[in-house]
Amino acid sequence: MAGRVPCNTCAIICSHVKAKPPRPRRIILVRHGQSQGNVDECVYARVADPKVMLTEQGIAEAEECGREIRKMIERDGAHDWKAYFYVSPYKRSLETLRSLAKAFERSRIAGVREEPRLREQDFGNFQDQEQMKIEKAARKQYGRFFYRFPNGESAADVYDRITGFRETLKSDIDVGRFQPPGEQSPNMNIVIVSHGLTLRVFLMRWYKWTVEQFQGLHNFGNGKFLVMERGYGGRYSLLMHHSREELQKFGLTEEMLIDQEWQNHAKPGELNYDCTMTGPGYFTHLDDHQESLLEPC
C-alpha cells in the first residue's frame, strides 16, 4: 500500500525511541539541624549567615534524621534503592548533609549537588539585632510573603529562584540524571537539604499553593523532614506518606488536603479541573445561572 512504512523501518525507528526513565520514588525535604543562630540570634551580628554552624544538638538531630530516612526507605523492601542529594551551600546545611549521610553506605549514595538556589532567605549581611526586631515587626504588618528585608530578599524573591531550581529538578527527573543508563531504578530517593522558609516556598511552587495558603504554613522542626512520595499515577503527594492530621498541623487546609488526595492518583501532566484553589475559588461571587452583563454582539 502506498505510503506504508516498511516493517524493518518501523523496527529501526522504534529502536531509537528511548523509554522514559522511572521517576524517583520520593522527594524528601530536610530542614537543617539546630544551628548557632537558632539558639542565639546575636550570632548573625558577627558571623556571616552562610558560615553559621550546627550546634552539638543540631549534629545529633541530623544523624537521627538520616537514620529515620533510611528506616523509611528500607520498609519498601527494595534491594536496589539509592539516594541522591541536593544541598544548600550554607555551612549548617552541609553539616546536616554530612551528619545524616552517616546512616548510608557510600554505595547507597548516587550523588550530591550543591545548589545555591536552595540557600536561606537573605536577610541582609551582618544583622543588627535591634534593627532586625524592627524589620520583623514591619514584615508582620506588611505581609510575610512580600516584605523584602533591606539589602536582602522577600519570600517572593525566594519563590523566583526556587522556580528555577524546580525546573532543573524536573529536567533531572525527566532525563534520569541520577543514575547511569542501564542502572535506572524506580527506587531512587531524592533528598533536598535546605532551610525552613526555602522548603515551604518549594512546596508552594510545586503544588501551586496561593500566597494566603503559604502564609498559613508552619516551619519544620530542626532536623525534621517532609516526604513527597510517588503516587499510584506517578505524581508526588504528601498524603502517600503523611497522615491528614500531620499535614493539618503543618498548615494544610481542607482544600489543600483534597488536592493532595487527587495527587495520590493523578498522572504527570494532568490538571485538576475540580480544584477550587486554581480556578473556581476565585469566582465564588458569580452565579452560575446569572446572565452576562455584556451586551450581545
Protein backbone atom coordinates (compact mmCIF):
# COMPACT_ATOMS: atom_id res chain seq x y z
CA MET A 1 0.00 0.00 0.00
CA ALA A 2 1.36 3.41 -0.95
CA GLY A 3 2.67 5.45 1.96
CA ARG A 4 3.05 2.49 4.30
CA VAL A 5 6.38 2.40 6.20
CA PRO A 6 8.11 -1.00 5.79
CA CYS A 7 8.21 -3.11 8.96
CA ASN A 8 12.00 -3.12 9.08
CA THR A 9 11.95 0.70 9.00
CA CYS A 10 9.49 0.75 11.93
CA ALA A 11 11.81 -1.51 13.88
CA ILE A 12 14.72 0.85 13.29
CA ILE A 13 12.66 3.86 14.36
CA CYS A 14 11.38 2.12 17.49
CA SER A 15 14.89 1.05 18.48
CA HIS A 16 15.87 4.73 18.65
CA VAL A 17 12.91 5.72 20.82
CA LYS A 18 14.14 5.68 24.41
CA ALA A 19 11.77 4.72 27.18
CA LYS A 20 11.36 7.38 29.83
CA PRO A 21 13.46 6.67 32.93
CA PRO A 22 11.49 5.78 36.06
CA ARG A 23 10.58 8.68 38.32
CA PRO A 24 12.26 8.69 41.75
CA ARG A 25 10.18 7.09 44.47
CA ARG A 26 10.37 10.10 46.79
CA ILE A 27 11.44 13.70 47.15
CA ILE A 28 12.42 14.14 50.80
CA LEU A 29 12.69 17.69 52.15
CA VAL A 30 15.06 18.05 55.12
CA ARG A 31 15.49 21.15 57.27
CA HIS A 32 18.98 21.58 58.71
CA GLY A 33 19.63 20.66 62.35
CA GLN A 34 19.70 23.20 65.15
CA SER A 35 22.20 25.96 64.34
CA GLN A 36 24.02 28.54 66.44
CA GLY A 37 21.56 31.11 65.08
CA ASN A 38 18.57 29.07 66.24
CA VAL A 39 19.94 29.26 69.79
CA ASP A 40 21.25 32.83 69.78
CA GLU A 41 20.24 35.28 67.06
CA CYS A 42 23.07 37.62 68.10
CA VAL A 43 25.37 35.26 66.19
CA TYR A 44 24.20 36.85 62.94
CA ALA A 45 25.71 40.18 64.01
CA ARG A 46 29.24 38.75 63.98
CA VAL A 47 29.10 35.64 61.77
CA ALA A 48 28.02 35.70 58.12
CA ASP A 49 24.79 33.74 57.68
CA PRO A 50 26.36 31.23 55.24
CA LYS A 51 29.00 30.40 57.86
CA VAL A 52 26.70 29.76 60.84
CA MET A 53 27.33 26.20 62.09
CA LEU A 54 25.29 23.48 63.74
CA THR A 55 25.27 23.04 67.50
CA GLU A 56 26.06 19.64 69.04
CA GLN A 57 22.32 19.10 69.32
CA GLY A 58 21.95 20.00 65.64
CA ILE A 59 24.50 17.36 64.66
CA ALA A 60 22.63 14.77 66.73
CA GLU A 61 19.33 15.82 65.12
CA ALA A 62 20.83 15.41 61.65
CA GLU A 63 22.23 11.97 62.47
CA GLU A 64 18.84 10.86 63.78
CA CYS A 65 17.20 12.29 60.65
CA GLY A 66 19.47 10.11 58.50
CA ARG A 67 18.57 7.01 60.47
CA GLU A 68 14.85 7.77 60.17
CA ILE A 69 15.12 8.32 56.40
CA ARG A 70 16.96 5.03 55.99
CA LYS A 71 14.34 3.13 58.02
CA MET A 72 11.60 4.63 55.87
CA ILE A 73 13.34 3.63 52.64
CA GLU A 74 14.14 0.11 53.84
CA ARG A 75 10.48 -0.51 54.66
CA ASP A 76 9.91 -0.57 50.87
CA GLY A 77 11.75 -3.91 50.75
CA ALA A 78 13.68 -2.93 47.59
CA HIS A 79 17.28 -4.14 47.33
CA ASP A 80 18.48 -1.57 44.77
CA TRP A 81 17.49 1.69 46.49
CA LYS A 82 19.75 4.73 46.46
CA ALA A 83 19.65 8.39 47.47
CA TYR A 84 20.66 11.49 45.54
CA PHE A 85 21.19 14.75 47.44
CA TYR A 86 20.69 18.41 46.62
CA VAL A 87 22.05 20.70 49.32
CA SER A 88 22.17 24.40 50.17
CA PRO A 89 25.78 25.70 50.26
CA TYR A 90 25.30 27.20 53.75
CA LYS A 91 27.54 25.57 56.34
CA ARG A 92 24.68 24.39 58.56
CA SER A 93 23.10 22.60 55.60
CA LEU A 94 26.37 20.99 54.53
CA GLU A 95 26.98 19.84 58.10
CA THR A 96 23.46 18.43 58.20
CA LEU A 97 24.10 16.52 54.97
CA ARG A 98 27.39 15.06 56.23
CA SER A 99 25.80 14.05 59.53
CA LEU A 100 22.67 12.42 58.12
CA ALA A 101 24.76 10.64 55.46
CA LYS A 102 26.40 8.59 58.22
CA ALA A 103 23.32 6.37 58.01
CA PHE A 104 24.20 5.43 54.38
CA GLU A 105 26.98 3.36 52.84
CA ARG A 106 28.77 5.12 50.00
CA SER A 107 27.28 2.58 47.58
CA ARG A 108 23.80 3.85 48.51
CA ILE A 109 24.63 7.47 47.61
CA ALA A 110 24.06 8.09 43.91
CA GLY A 111 25.43 11.64 44.01
CA VAL A 112 25.35 15.10 45.56
CA ARG A 113 24.83 18.52 44.03
CA GLU A 114 25.45 21.76 45.89
CA GLU A 115 22.66 24.10 44.79
CA PRO A 116 22.93 27.85 45.65
CA ARG A 117 19.25 28.39 44.80
CA LEU A 118 18.40 26.33 47.90
CA ARG A 119 20.09 28.83 50.24
CA GLU A 120 18.31 30.55 53.12
CA GLN A 121 16.25 33.69 52.56
CA ASP A 122 18.71 36.57 52.52
CA PHE A 123 18.08 38.91 55.47
CA GLY A 124 20.94 41.27 54.58
CA ASN A 125 24.57 40.87 55.51
CA PHE A 126 25.65 41.10 59.16
CA GLN A 127 22.40 41.60 61.06
CA ASP A 128 21.93 44.17 63.80
CA GLN A 129 19.52 42.50 66.21
CA GLU A 130 17.68 45.64 67.28
CA GLN A 131 17.14 46.62 63.68
CA MET A 132 16.01 43.07 62.86
CA LYS A 133 13.32 43.29 65.54
CA ILE A 134 12.00 46.42 63.83
CA GLU A 135 12.16 44.77 60.39
CA LYS A 136 10.34 41.63 61.55
CA ALA A 137 7.60 43.71 63.13
CA ALA A 138 7.28 45.60 59.85
CA ARG A 139 7.14 42.29 57.96
CA LYS A 140 4.26 41.11 60.14
CA GLN A 141 2.35 44.28 59.31
CA TYR A 142 3.24 44.33 55.60
CA GLY A 143 2.85 40.57 54.92
CA ARG A 144 5.35 37.74 55.31
CA PHE A 145 5.47 36.79 51.65
CA PHE A 146 6.06 40.18 50.05
CA TYR A 147 8.11 42.04 52.67
CA ARG A 148 11.70 42.49 51.47
CA PHE A 149 14.40 42.96 54.06
CA PRO A 150 16.79 45.87 53.36
CA ASN A 151 19.73 44.52 51.32
CA GLY A 152 18.01 41.15 51.44
CA GLU A 153 15.09 39.18 49.99
CA SER A 154 11.39 38.68 50.39
CA ALA A 155 9.79 35.23 50.29
CA ALA A 156 8.58 36.27 46.82
CA ASP A 157 12.23 36.65 45.76
CA VAL A 158 12.94 33.16 47.11
CA TYR A 159 9.95 31.93 45.08
CA ASP A 160 11.56 33.24 41.89
CA ARG A 161 14.83 31.38 42.38
CA ILE A 162 13.07 28.23 43.61
CA THR A 163 11.08 28.29 40.36
CA GLY A 164 14.38 27.97 38.52
CA PHE A 165 15.51 25.13 40.77
CA ARG A 166 12.19 23.33 40.30
CA GLU A 167 12.66 23.39 36.53
CA THR A 168 16.18 21.97 36.95
CA LEU A 169 14.87 19.23 39.23
CA LYS A 170 12.04 18.32 36.86
CA SER A 171 14.50 18.16 33.98
CA ASP A 172 16.81 15.91 36.03
CA ILE A 173 13.84 13.65 36.81
CA ASP A 174 12.71 13.53 33.16
CA VAL A 175 16.15 12.50 31.84
CA GLY A 176 17.05 10.24 34.77
CA ARG A 177 20.21 12.15 35.57
CA PHE A 178 20.59 10.45 38.95
CA GLN A 179 21.73 7.08 37.61
CA PRO A 180 23.84 5.75 34.72
CA PRO A 181 21.98 4.29 31.71
CA GLY A 182 21.11 0.66 32.31
CA GLU A 183 21.11 1.12 36.10
CA GLN A 184 17.98 3.22 36.40
CA SER A 185 15.64 2.06 39.14
CA PRO A 186 12.29 3.34 40.42
CA ASN A 187 13.73 3.08 43.93
CA MET A 188 15.78 6.27 43.77
CA ASN A 189 15.13 8.78 46.57
CA ILE A 190 15.83 12.49 46.14
CA VAL A 191 16.83 14.29 49.35
CA ILE A 192 16.84 18.10 49.46
CA VAL A 193 18.70 19.58 52.46
CA SER A 194 17.81 23.22 52.92
CA HIS A 195 16.13 25.79 55.18
CA GLY A 196 12.66 26.19 56.65
CA LEU A 197 11.29 29.05 54.56
CA THR A 198 13.02 27.84 51.40
CA LEU A 199 11.41 24.41 51.72
CA ARG A 200 7.97 25.89 52.37
CA VAL A 201 8.36 28.04 49.25
CA PHE A 202 9.45 24.93 47.31
CA LEU A 203 6.22 23.18 48.32
CA MET A 204 4.20 26.28 47.46
CA ARG A 205 5.74 26.39 43.99
CA TRP A 206 5.44 22.64 43.35
CA TYR A 207 1.78 22.39 44.34
CA LYS A 208 0.77 25.87 43.12
CA TRP A 209 -0.42 27.00 46.55
CA THR A 210 -1.59 30.58 46.93
CA VAL A 211 0.14 33.31 48.95
CA GLU A 212 -2.57 33.04 51.60
CA GLN A 213 -2.05 29.28 51.86
CA PHE A 214 1.72 29.72 52.10
CA GLN A 215 1.32 32.19 54.94
CA GLY A 216 -0.69 29.60 56.87
CA LEU A 217 2.15 27.05 56.84
CA HIS A 218 4.32 26.33 59.88
CA ASN A 219 8.06 25.71 59.89
CA PHE A 220 9.57 22.22 60.06
CA GLY A 221 11.42 21.40 63.25
CA ASN A 222 15.21 21.38 63.03
CA GLY A 223 16.43 18.09 61.61
CA LYS A 224 12.91 17.08 60.56
CA PHE A 225 11.71 16.09 57.10
CA LEU A 226 8.63 16.06 54.90
CA VAL A 227 8.06 13.42 52.22
CA MET A 228 6.64 13.84 48.72
CA GLU A 229 6.06 10.25 47.61
CA ARG A 230 5.25 8.99 44.13
CA GLY A 231 1.56 8.16 43.93
CA TYR A 232 -0.30 5.48 42.00
CA GLY A 233 -0.38 7.57 38.83
CA GLY A 234 3.19 8.90 39.06
CA ARG A 235 2.70 12.34 40.64
CA TYR A 236 4.11 13.23 44.05
CA SER A 237 1.75 13.55 47.00
CA LEU A 238 2.29 14.42 50.65
CA LEU A 239 -0.57 12.10 51.62
CA MET A 240 1.22 9.00 50.36
CA HIS A 241 3.44 9.14 53.47
CA HIS A 242 1.89 11.60 55.92
CA SER A 243 -1.49 11.48 57.62
CA ARG A 244 -4.10 14.19 57.22
CA GLU A 245 -3.53 15.11 60.89
CA GLU A 246 0.21 15.60 60.34
CA LEU A 247 -0.38 17.82 57.32
CA GLN A 248 -3.05 19.84 59.14
CA LYS A 249 -0.50 20.57 61.87
CA PHE A 250 1.91 21.71 59.15
CA GLY A 251 -0.77 24.13 57.96
CA LEU A 252 -2.60 22.47 55.07
CA THR A 253 -6.25 23.47 54.77
CA GLU A 254 -9.06 21.12 53.80
CA GLU A 255 -8.86 22.38 50.20
CA MET A 256 -5.14 21.62 50.09
CA LEU A 257 -5.72 18.14 51.51
CA ILE A 258 -8.39 17.39 48.92
CA ASP A 259 -5.88 18.34 46.22
CA GLN A 260 -3.28 16.03 47.81
CA GLU A 261 -5.81 13.19 47.60
CA TRP A 262 -6.12 13.93 43.88
CA GLN A 263 -2.30 13.94 43.59
CA ASN A 264 -2.30 10.38 45.01
CA HIS A 265 -3.82 9.01 41.79
CA ALA A 266 -3.07 11.61 39.10
CA LYS A 267 -0.58 11.22 36.28
CA PRO A 268 2.20 13.69 35.43
CA GLY A 269 0.84 16.40 33.15
CA GLU A 270 -2.77 16.04 34.26
CA LEU A 271 -4.69 19.04 35.59
CA ASN A 272 -7.13 19.00 38.47
CA TYR A 273 -10.01 20.86 36.88
CA ASP A 274 -12.11 20.49 40.02
CA CYS A 275 -9.51 22.06 42.31
CA THR A 276 -11.10 25.06 43.99
CA MET A 277 -7.66 26.62 44.58
CA THR A 278 -6.81 27.06 40.92
CA GLY A 279 -10.00 28.44 39.44
CA PRO A 280 -13.47 28.21 40.97
CA GLY A 281 -12.28 29.58 44.30
CA TYR A 282 -11.64 32.97 42.71
CA PHE A 283 -15.17 33.28 41.36
CA THR A 284 -17.42 32.36 44.27
CA HIS A 285 -19.15 35.75 43.89
CA LEU A 286 -20.54 34.72 40.50
CA ASP A 287 -23.84 32.92 39.99
CA ASP A 288 -23.60 30.04 37.51
CA HIS A 289 -27.07 30.92 36.25
CA GLN A 290 -26.81 34.69 36.12
CA GLU A 291 -26.92 36.37 32.74
CA SER A 292 -23.81 38.07 31.45
CA LEU A 293 -23.66 41.83 31.93
CA LEU A 294 -22.12 42.17 28.49
CA GLU A 295 -24.37 43.18 25.64
CA PRO A 296 -24.57 40.55 22.89
CA CYS A 297 -22.56 41.36 19.75
